[in-house]
Amino acid sequence: MKGQAMARQSISVSEPNDEWLKAQVASAEYSSKSEVINDLIRQERRRRLEIEHIRSELIKAEQSDFTDEQPDDLLANFKEEARQDGLL
């Protein structure tokens, strides 16, 4: 990544995971295994933020006792809000 210092790490991965990483680089979607791993970490961080946002919104809704929406509709609305807020 441009402009950011990168911490050098040494990690071990299983053979199937190594083959998968190699395939990602070979597909030209990524230029290195490190780029794949950094992308996976970014995706997981975003996913966790999304989960926390949804959890927080569900707690607020439960505590307010002021909704006639079904749980599936609430979840869909929260996910859409998360997308709009850049959390998804």
PDB file of N, CA and C in Angstrom:
ATOM      1  N   MET A   1       0.846  -1.184   0.000  1.00  0.00           N
ATOM      2  CA  MET A   1       0.000   0.000   0.000  1.00  0.00           C
ATOM      3  C   MET A   1       0.880   1.232   0.000  1.00  0.00           C
ATOM      4  N   LYS A   2       0.516   2.166  -0.795  1.00  0.00           N
ATOM      5  CA  LYS A   2       1.302   3.389  -0.889  1.00  0.00           C
ATOM      6  C   LYS A   2       1.103   4.251   0.345  1.00  0.00           C
ATOM      7  N   GLY A   3       2.198   4.807   0.831  1.00  0.00           N
ATOM      8  CA  GLY A   3       2.112   5.753   1.922  1.00  0.00           C
ATOM      9  C   GLY A   3       2.014   5.146   3.309  1.00  0.00           C
ATOM     10  N   GLN A   4       1.884   3.853   3.405  1.00  0.00           N
ATOM     11  CA  GLN A   4       1.792   3.217   4.719  1.00  0.00           C
ATOM     12  C   GLN A   4       2.985   2.299   4.920  1.00  0.00           C
ATOM     13  N   ALA A   5       3.575   2.378   6.102  1.00  0.00           N
ATOM     14  CA  ALA A   5       4.654   1.466   6.431  1.00  0.00           C
ATOM     15  C   ALA A   5       4.067   0.077   6.617  1.00  0.00           C
ATOM     16  N   MET A   6       4.751  -0.907   6.115  1.00  0.00           N
ATOM     17  CA  MET A   6       4.271  -2.278   6.229  1.00  0.00           C
ATOM     18  C   MET A   6       5.126  -3.027   7.246  1.00  0.00           C
ATOM     19  N   ALA A   7       4.480  -3.712   8.163  1.00  0.00           N
ATOM     20  CA  ALA A   7       5.188  -4.536   9.125  1.00  0.00           C
ATOM     21  C   ALA A   7       5.483  -5.880   8.471  1.00  0.00           C
ATOM     22  N   ARG A   8       6.706  -6.287   8.551  1.00  0.00           N
ATOM     23  CA  ARG A   8       7.099  -7.563   7.951  1.00  0.00           C
ATOM     24  C   ARG A   8       6.767  -8.687   8.914  1.00  0.00           C
ATOM     25  N   GLN A   9       6.121  -9.735   8.399  1.00  0.00           N
ATOM     26  CA  GLN A   9       5.704 -10.864   9.206  1.00  0.00           C
ATOM     27  C   GLN A   9       6.144 -12.161   8.544  1.00  0.00           C
ATOM     28  N   SER A  10       6.321 -13.167   9.345  1.00  0.00           N
ATOM     29  CA  SER A  10       6.575 -14.501   8.827  1.00  0.00           C
ATOM     30  C   SER A  10       5.435 -15.375   9.320  1.00  0.00           C
ATOM     31  N   ILE A  11       4.706 -15.973   8.396  1.00  0.00           N
ATOM     32  CA  ILE A  11       3.581 -16.816   8.791  1.00  0.00           C
ATOM     33  C   ILE A  11       3.708 -18.179   8.129  1.00  0.00           C
ATOM     34  N   SER A  12       3.055 -19.159   8.708  1.00  0.00           N
ATOM     35  CA  SER A  12       2.991 -20.495   8.129  1.00  0.00           C
ATOM     36  C   SER A  12       1.545 -20.769   7.756  1.00  0.00           C
ATOM     37  N   VAL A  13       1.361 -21.351   6.586  1.00  0.00           N
ATOM     38  CA  VAL A  13       0.019 -21.721   6.143  1.00  0.00           C
ATOM     39  C   VAL A  13       0.040 -23.180   5.718  1.00  0.00           C
ATOM     40  N   SER A  14      -1.122 -23.795   5.764  1.00  0.00           N
ATOM     41  CA  SER A  14      -1.216 -25.196   5.344  1.00  0.00           C
ATOM     42  C   SER A  14      -0.993 -25.280   3.833  1.00  0.00           C
ATOM     43  N   GLU A  15      -0.666 -26.468   3.364  1.00  0.00           N
ATOM     44  CA  GLU A  15      -0.422 -26.656   1.923  1.00  0.00           C
ATOM     45  C   GLU A  15      -1.638 -26.251   1.074  1.00  0.00           C
ATOM     46  N   PRO A  16      -2.865 -26.665   1.457  1.00  0.00           N
ATOM     47  CA  PRO A  16      -4.019 -26.227   0.655  1.00  0.00           C
ATOM     48  C   PRO A  16      -4.173 -24.702   0.626  1.00  0.00           C
ATOM     49  N   ASN A  17      -3.920 -24.052   1.750  1.00  0.00           N
ATOM     50  CA  ASN A  17      -4.018 -22.591   1.785  1.00  0.00           C
ATOM     51  C   ASN A  17      -2.926 -21.944   0.945  1.00  0.00           C
ATOM     52  N   ASP A  18      -1.740 -22.526   0.960  1.00  0.00           N
ATOM     53  CA  ASP A  18      -0.657 -22.006   0.136  1.00  0.00           C
ATOM     54  C   ASP A  18      -0.997 -22.147  -1.340  1.00  0.00           C
ATOM     55  N   GLU A  19      -1.571 -23.269  -1.726  1.00  0.00           N
ATOM     56  CA  GLU A  19      -1.972 -23.476  -3.122  1.00  0.00           C
ATOM     57  C   GLU A  19      -3.038 -22.456  -3.516  1.00  0.00           C
ATOM     58  N   TRP A  20      -3.968 -22.192  -2.609  1.00  0.00           N
ATOM     59  CA  TRP A  20      -5.017 -21.212  -2.888  1.00  0.00           C
ATOM     60  C   TRP A  20      -4.407 -19.821  -3.064  1.00  0.00           C
ATOM     61  N   LEU A  21      -3.467 -19.455  -2.184  1.00  0.00           N
ATOM     62  CA  LEU A  21      -2.796 -18.159  -2.298  1.00  0.00           C
ATOM     63  C   LEU A  21      -2.058 -18.049  -3.636  1.00  0.00           C
ATOM     64  N   LYS A  22      -1.357 -19.103  -4.005  1.00  0.00           N
ATOM     65  CA  LYS A  22      -0.637 -19.105  -5.285  1.00  0.00           C
ATOM     66  C   LYS A  22      -1.613 -18.921  -6.450  1.00  0.00           C
ATOM     67  N   ALA A  23      -2.767 -19.573  -6.369  1.00  0.00           N
ATOM     68  CA  ALA A  23      -3.764 -19.455  -7.439  1.00  0.00           C
ATOM     69  C   ALA A  23      -4.292 -18.029  -7.551  1.00  0.00           C
ATOM     70  N   GLN A  24      -4.457 -17.361  -6.416  1.00  0.00           N
ATOM     71  CA  GLN A  24      -4.924 -15.971  -6.439  1.00  0.00           C
ATOM     72  C   GLN A  24      -3.920 -15.074  -7.136  1.00  0.00           C
ATOM     73  N   VAL A  25      -2.639 -15.295  -6.860  1.00  0.00           N
ATOM     74  CA  VAL A  25      -1.585 -14.498  -7.494  1.00  0.00           C
ATOM     75  C   VAL A  25      -1.500 -14.856  -8.980  1.00  0.00           C
ATOM     76  N   ALA A  26      -1.610 -16.139  -9.306  1.00  0.00           N
ATOM     77  CA  ALA A  26      -1.533 -16.574 -10.701  1.00  0.00           C
ATOM     78  C   ALA A  26      -2.686 -16.022 -11.537  1.00  0.00           C
ATOM     79  N   SER A  27      -3.818 -15.774 -10.900  1.00  0.00           N
ATOM     80  CA  SER A  27      -4.981 -15.251 -11.632  1.00  0.00           C
ATOM     81  C   SER A  27      -4.789 -13.785 -12.003  1.00  0.00           C
ATOM     82  N   ALA A  28      -3.722 -13.179 -11.511  1.00  0.00           N
ATOM     83  CA  ALA A  28      -3.383 -11.771 -11.758  1.00  0.00           C
ATOM     84  C   ALA A  28      -4.327 -10.812 -11.048  1.00  0.00           C
ATOM     85  N   GLU A  29      -5.171 -11.340 -10.165  1.00  0.00           N
ATOM     86  CA  GLU A  29      -6.023 -10.445  -9.372  1.00  0.00           C
ATOM     87  C   GLU A  29      -5.178  -9.748  -8.305  1.00  0.00           C
ATOM     88  N   TYR A  30      -4.151 -10.426  -7.851  1.00  0.00           N
ATOM     89  CA  TYR A  30      -3.233  -9.891  -6.847  1.00  0.00           C
ATOM     90  C   TYR A  30      -1.819 -10.034  -7.371  1.00  0.00           C
ATOM     91  N   SER A  31      -0.940  -9.171  -6.876  1.00  0.00           N
ATOM     92  CA  SER A  31       0.446  -9.241  -7.334  1.00  0.00           C
ATOM     93  C   SER A  31       1.337 -10.059  -6.407  1.00  0.00           C
ATOM     94  N   SER A  32       0.841 -10.374  -5.200  1.00  0.00           N
ATOM     95  CA  SER A  32       1.646 -11.158  -4.254  1.00  0.00           C
ATOM     96  C   SER A  32       0.748 -11.818  -3.214  1.00  0.00           C
ATOM     97  N   LYS A  33       1.287 -12.811  -2.542  1.00  0.00           N
ATOM     98  CA  LYS A  33       0.548 -13.459  -1.453  1.00  0.00           C
ATOM     99  C   LYS A  33       0.247 -12.450  -0.354  1.00  0.00           C
ATOM    100  N   SER A  34       1.177 -11.549  -0.097  1.00  0.00           N
ATOM    101  CA  SER A  34       0.971 -10.536   0.936  1.00  0.00           C
ATOM    102  C   SER A  34      -0.249  -9.675   0.617  1.00  0.00           C
ATOM    103  N   GLU A  35      -0.412  -9.347  -0.650  1.00  0.00           N
ATOM    104  CA  GLU A  35      -1.564  -8.537  -1.053  1.00  0.00           C
ATOM    105  C   GLU A  35      -2.867  -9.303  -0.803  1.00  0.00           C
ATOM    106  N   VAL A  36      -2.868 -10.601  -1.083  1.00  0.00           N
ATOM    107  CA  VAL A  36      -4.056 -11.429  -0.831  1.00  0.00           C
ATOM    108  C   VAL A  36      -4.375 -11.427   0.660  1.00  0.00           C
ATOM    109  N   ILE A  37      -3.378 -11.658   1.476  1.00  0.00           N
ATOM    110  CA  ILE A  37      -3.580 -11.735   2.929  1.00  0.00           C
ATOM    111  C   ILE A  37      -4.056 -10.390   3.473  1.00  0.00           C
ATOM    112  N   ASN A  38      -3.460  -9.298   3.027  1.00  0.00           N
ATOM    113  CA  ASN A  38      -3.912  -7.978   3.480  1.00  0.00           C
ATOM    114  C   ASN A  38      -5.361  -7.723   3.080  1.00  0.00           C
ATOM    115  N   ASP A  39      -5.751  -8.150   1.878  1.00  0.00           N
ATOM    116  CA  ASP A  39      -7.135  -7.981   1.443  1.00  0.00           C
ATOM    117  C   ASP A  39      -8.084  -8.814   2.309  1.00  0.00           C
ATOM    118  N   LEU A  40      -7.698 -10.031   2.617  1.00  0.00           N
ATOM    119  CA  LEU A  40      -8.525 -10.880   3.487  1.00  0.00           C
ATOM    120  C   LEU A  40      -8.705 -10.250   4.868  1.00  0.00           C
ATOM    121  N   ILE A  41      -7.645  -9.678   5.397  1.00  0.00           N
ATOM    122  CA  ILE A  41      -7.719  -9.023   6.711  1.00  0.00           C
ATOM    123  C   ILE A  41      -8.644  -7.812   6.642  1.00  0.00           C
ATOM    124  N   ARG A  42      -8.519  -7.011   5.585  1.00  0.00           N
ATOM    125  CA  ARG A  42      -9.420  -5.850   5.426  1.00  0.00           C
ATOM    126  C   ARG A  42     -10.874  -6.293   5.348  1.00  0.00           C
ATOM    127  N   GLN A  43     -11.144  -7.359   4.589  1.00  0.00           N
ATOM    128  CA  GLN A  43     -12.512  -7.873   4.476  1.00  0.00           C
ATOM    129  C   GLN A  43     -13.042  -8.325   5.833  1.00  0.00           C
ATOM    130  N   GLU A  44     -12.225  -9.006   6.604  1.00  0.00           N
ATOM    131  CA  GLU A  44     -12.652  -9.478   7.926  1.00  0.00           C
ATOM    132  C   GLU A  44     -12.898  -8.312   8.863  1.00  0.00           C
ATOM    133  N   ARG A  45     -12.054  -7.304   8.795  1.00  0.00           N
ATOM    134  CA  ARG A  45     -12.254  -6.124   9.648  1.00  0.00           C
ATOM    135  C   ARG A  45     -13.566  -5.435   9.308  1.00  0.00           C
ATOM    136  N   ARG A  46     -13.866  -5.290   8.003  1.00  0.00           N
ATOM    137  CA  ARG A  46     -15.149  -4.696   7.578  1.00  0.00           C
ATOM    138  C   ARG A  46     -16.322  -5.551   8.039  1.00  0.00           C
ATOM    139  N   ARG A  47     -16.175  -6.871   7.917  1.00  0.00           N
ATOM    140  CA  ARG A  47     -17.244  -7.793   8.326  1.00  0.00           C
ATOM    141  C   ARG A  47     -17.538  -7.654   9.820  1.00  0.00           C
ATOM    142  N   ARG A  48     -16.495  -7.555  10.607  1.00  0.00           N
ATOM    143  CA  ARG A  48     -16.692  -7.400  12.055  1.00  0.00           C
ATOM    144  C   ARG A  48     -17.351  -6.068  12.396  1.00  0.00           C
ATOM    145  N   LEU A  49     -16.981  -4.998  11.699  1.00  0.00           N
ATOM    146  CA  LEU A  49     -17.639  -3.709  11.907  1.00  0.00           C
ATOM    147  C   LEU A  49     -19.119  -3.802  11.563  1.00  0.00           C
ATOM    148  N   GLU A  50     -19.412  -4.493  10.470  1.00  0.00           N
ATOM    149  CA  GLU A  50     -20.809  -4.681  10.062  1.00  0.00           C
ATOM    150  C   GLU A  50     -21.587  -5.433  11.142  1.00  0.00           C
ATOM    151  N   ILE A  51     -21.011  -6.494  11.647  1.00  0.00           N
ATOM    152  CA  ILE A  51     -21.678  -7.284  12.691  1.00  0.00           C
ATOM    153  C   ILE A  51     -21.932  -6.438  13.930  1.00  0.00           C
ATOM    154  N   GLU A  52     -20.949  -5.660  14.340  1.00  0.00           N
ATOM    155  CA  GLU A  52     -21.121  -4.806  15.519  1.00  0.00           C
ATOM    156  C   GLU A  52     -22.187  -3.746  15.282  1.00  0.00           C
ATOM    157  N   HIS A  53     -22.227  -3.181  14.078  1.00  0.00           N
ATOM    158  CA  HIS A  53     -23.244  -2.184  13.748  1.00  0.00           C
ATOM    159  C   HIS A  53     -24.636  -2.811  13.802  1.00  0.00           C
ATOM    160  N   ILE A  54     -24.786  -3.970  13.194  1.00  0.00           N
ATOM    161  CA  ILE A  54     -26.087  -4.651  13.186  1.00  0.00           C
ATOM    162  C   ILE A  54     -26.488  -5.014  14.607  1.00  0.00           C
ATOM    163  N   ARG A  55     -25.554  -5.535  15.374  1.00  0.00           N
ATOM    164  CA  ARG A  55     -25.850  -5.906  16.767  1.00  0.00           C
ATOM    165  C   ARG A  55     -26.320  -4.683  17.555  1.00  0.00           C
ATOM    166  N   SER A  56     -25.628  -3.579  17.388  1.00  0.00           N
ATOM    167  CA  SER A  56     -25.985  -2.351  18.091  1.00  0.00           C
ATOM    168  C   SER A  56     -27.385  -1.878  17.695  1.00  0.00           C
ATOM    169  N   GLU A  57     -27.681  -1.910  16.397  1.00  0.00           N
ATOM    170  CA  GLU A  57     -28.996  -1.478  15.926  1.00  0.00           C
ATOM    171  C   GLU A  57     -30.100  -2.403  16.423  1.00  0.00           C
ATOM    172  N   LEU A  58     -29.832  -3.703  16.454  1.00  0.00           N
ATOM    173  CA  LEU A  58     -30.823  -4.651  16.960  1.00  0.00           C
ATOM    174  C   LEU A  58     -31.102  -4.422  18.446  1.00  0.00           C
ATOM    175  N   ILE A  59     -30.048  -4.158  19.201  1.00  0.00           N
ATOM    176  CA  ILE A  59     -30.220  -3.885  20.629  1.00  0.00           C
ATOM    177  C   ILE A  59     -31.054  -2.630  20.822  1.00  0.00           C
ATOM    178  N   LYS A  60     -30.756  -1.576  20.062  1.00  0.00           N
ATOM    179  CA  LYS A  60     -31.548  -0.338  20.160  1.00  0.00           C
ATOM    180  C   LYS A  60     -33.007  -0.607  19.830  1.00  0.00           C
ATOM    181  N   ALA A  61     -33.248  -1.382  18.783  1.00  0.00           N
ATOM    182  CA  ALA A  61     -34.626  -1.672  18.376  1.00  0.00           C
ATOM    183  C   ALA A  61     -35.353  -2.487  19.447  1.00  0.00           C
ATOM    184  N   GLU A  62     -34.663  -3.472  20.009  1.00  0.00           N
ATOM    185  CA  GLU A  62     -35.280  -4.291  21.054  1.00  0.00           C
ATOM    186  C   GLU A  62     -35.610  -3.457  22.288  1.00  0.00           C
ATOM    187  N   GLN A  63     -34.731  -2.544  22.628  1.00  0.00           N
ATOM    188  CA  GLN A  63     -34.938  -1.734  23.830  1.00  0.00           C
ATOM    189  C   GLN A  63     -36.006  -0.666  23.632  1.00  0.00           C
ATOM    190  N   SER A  64     -36.241  -0.268  22.401  1.00  0.00           N
ATOM    191  CA  SER A  64     -37.206   0.799  22.156  1.00  0.00           C
ATOM    192  C   SER A  64     -38.639   0.286  22.153  1.00  0.00           C
ATOM    193  N   ASP A  65     -38.835  -1.014  21.890  1.00  0.00           N
ATOM    194  CA  ASP A  65     -40.180  -1.587  21.796  1.00  0.00           C
ATOM    195  C   ASP A  65     -41.054  -0.790  20.838  1.00  0.00           C
ATOM    196  N   PHE A  66     -40.450  -0.144  19.861  1.00  0.00           N
ATOM    197  CA  PHE A  66     -41.212   0.692  18.961  1.00  0.00           C
ATOM    198  C   PHE A  66     -40.930   0.295  17.523  1.00  0.00           C
ATOM    199  N   THR A  67     -41.405  -0.891  17.135  1.00  0.00           N
ATOM    200  CA  THR A  67     -41.291  -1.308  15.748  1.00  0.00           C
ATOM    201  C   THR A  67     -42.335  -2.365  15.460  1.00  0.00           C
ATOM    202  N   ASP A  68     -42.828  -2.329  14.256  1.00  0.00           N
ATOM    203  CA  ASP A  68     -43.737  -3.381  13.820  1.00  0.00           C
ATOM    204  C   ASP A  68     -43.108  -4.187  12.689  1.00  0.00           C
ATOM    205  N   GLU A  69     -41.796  -3.947  12.468  1.00  0.00           N
ATOM    206  CA  GLU A  69     -41.081  -4.668  11.424  1.00  0.00           C
ATOM    207  C   GLU A  69     -40.746  -6.082  11.884  1.00  0.00           C
ATOM    208  N   GLN A  70     -40.738  -6.978  10.928  1.00  0.00           N
ATOM    209  CA  GLN A  70     -40.345  -8.359  11.187  1.00  0.00           C
ATOM    210  C   GLN A  70     -38.817  -8.422  11.288  1.00  0.00           C
ATOM    211  N   PRO A  71     -38.282  -9.409  12.029  1.00  0.00           N
ATOM    212  CA  PRO A  71     -36.824  -9.505  12.190  1.00  0.00           C
ATOM    213  C   PRO A  71     -36.056  -9.512  10.866  1.00  0.00           C
ATOM    214  N   ASP A  72     -36.557 -10.245   9.856  1.00  0.00           N
ATOM    215  CA  ASP A  72     -35.855 -10.286   8.564  1.00  0.00           C
ATOM    216  C   ASP A  72     -35.815  -8.911   7.905  1.00  0.00           C
ATOM    217  N   ASP A  73     -36.914  -8.155   8.043  1.00  0.00           N
ATOM    218  CA  ASP A  73     -36.951  -6.805   7.477  1.00  0.00           C
ATOM    219  C   ASP A  73     -35.993  -5.881   8.218  1.00  0.00           C
ATOM    220  N   LEU A  74     -35.958  -6.006   9.550  1.00  0.00           N
ATOM    221  CA  LEU A  74     -35.023  -5.203  10.343  1.00  0.00           C
ATOM    222  C   LEU A  74     -33.586  -5.472   9.906  1.00  0.00           C
ATOM    223  N   LEU A  75     -33.245  -6.755   9.767  1.00  0.00           N
ATOM    224  CA  LEU A  75     -31.881  -7.121   9.386  1.00  0.00           C
ATOM    225  C   LEU A  75     -31.539  -6.563   8.009  1.00  0.00           C
ATOM    226  N   ALA A  76     -32.463  -6.665   7.055  1.00  0.00           N
ATOM    227  CA  ALA A  76     -32.223  -6.134   5.714  1.00  0.00           C
ATOM    228  C   ALA A  76     -32.006  -4.620   5.763  1.00  0.00           C
ATOM    229  N   ASN A  77     -32.792  -3.930   6.570  1.00  0.00           N
ATOM    230  CA  ASN A  77     -32.644  -2.478   6.705  1.00  0.00           C
ATOM    231  C   ASN A  77     -31.308  -2.115   7.341  1.00  0.00           C
ATOM    232  N   PHE A  78     -30.897  -2.850   8.369  1.00  0.00           N
ATOM    233  CA  PHE A  78     -29.627  -2.577   9.033  1.00  0.00           C
ATOM    234  C   PHE A  78     -28.464  -2.801   8.085  1.00  0.00           C
ATOM    235  N   LYS A  79     -28.546  -3.866   7.277  1.00  0.00           N
ATOM    236  CA  LYS A  79     -27.477  -4.134   6.316  1.00  0.00           C
ATOM    237  C   LYS A  79     -27.392  -3.009   5.285  1.00  0.00           C
ATOM    238  N   GLU A  80     -28.544  -2.530   4.832  1.00  0.00           N
ATOM    239  CA  GLU A  80     -28.546  -1.437   3.864  1.00  0.00           C
ATOM    240  C   GLU A  80     -27.941  -0.174   4.484  1.00  0.00           C
ATOM    241  N   GLU A  81     -28.283   0.113   5.735  1.00  0.00           N
ATOM    242  CA  GLU A  81     -27.685   1.268   6.429  1.00  0.00           C
ATOM    243  C   GLU A  81     -26.170   1.097   6.535  1.00  0.00           C
ATOM    244  N   ALA A  82     -25.735  -0.102   6.854  1.00  0.00           N
ATOM    245  CA  ALA A  82     -24.298  -0.370   6.968  1.00  0.00           C
ATOM    246  C   ALA A  82     -23.608  -0.143   5.628  1.00  0.00           C
ATOM    247  N   ARG A  83     -24.236  -0.572   4.528  1.00  0.00           N
ATOM    248  CA  ARG A  83     -23.666  -0.344   3.198  1.00  0.00           C
ATOM    249  C   ARG A  83     -23.560   1.162   2.933  1.00  0.00           C
ATOM    250  N   GLN A  84     -24.618   1.892   3.248  1.00  0.00           N
ATOM    251  CA  GLN A  84     -24.622   3.332   3.007  1.00  0.00           C
ATOM    252  C   GLN A  84     -23.592   4.043   3.875  1.00  0.00           C
ATOM    253  N   ASP A  85     -23.343   3.520   5.066  1.00  0.00           N
ATOM    254  CA  ASP A  85     -22.358   4.108   5.971  1.00  0.00           C
ATOM    255  C   ASP A  85     -20.932   3.652   5.650  1.00  0.00           C
ATOM    256  N   GLY A  86     -20.794   2.815   4.622  1.00  0.00           N
ATOM    257  CA  GLY A  86     -19.475   2.340   4.234  1.00  0.00           C
ATOM    258  C   GLY A  86     -18.937   1.239   5.120  1.00  0.00           C
ATOM    259  N   LEU A  87     -19.790   0.624   5.911  1.00  0.00           N
ATOM    260  CA  LEU A  87     -19.348  -0.441   6.802  1.00  0.00           C
ATOM    261  C   LEU A  87     -19.433  -1.799   6.120  1.00  0.00           C
ATOM    262  N   LEU A  88     -20.037  -1.835   4.992  1.00  0.00           N
ATOM    263  CA  LEU A  88     -20.221  -3.087   4.263  1.00  0.00           C
ATOM    264  C   LEU A  88     -19.588  -3.031   2.909  1.00  0.00           C
TER     265      LEU A  88
END
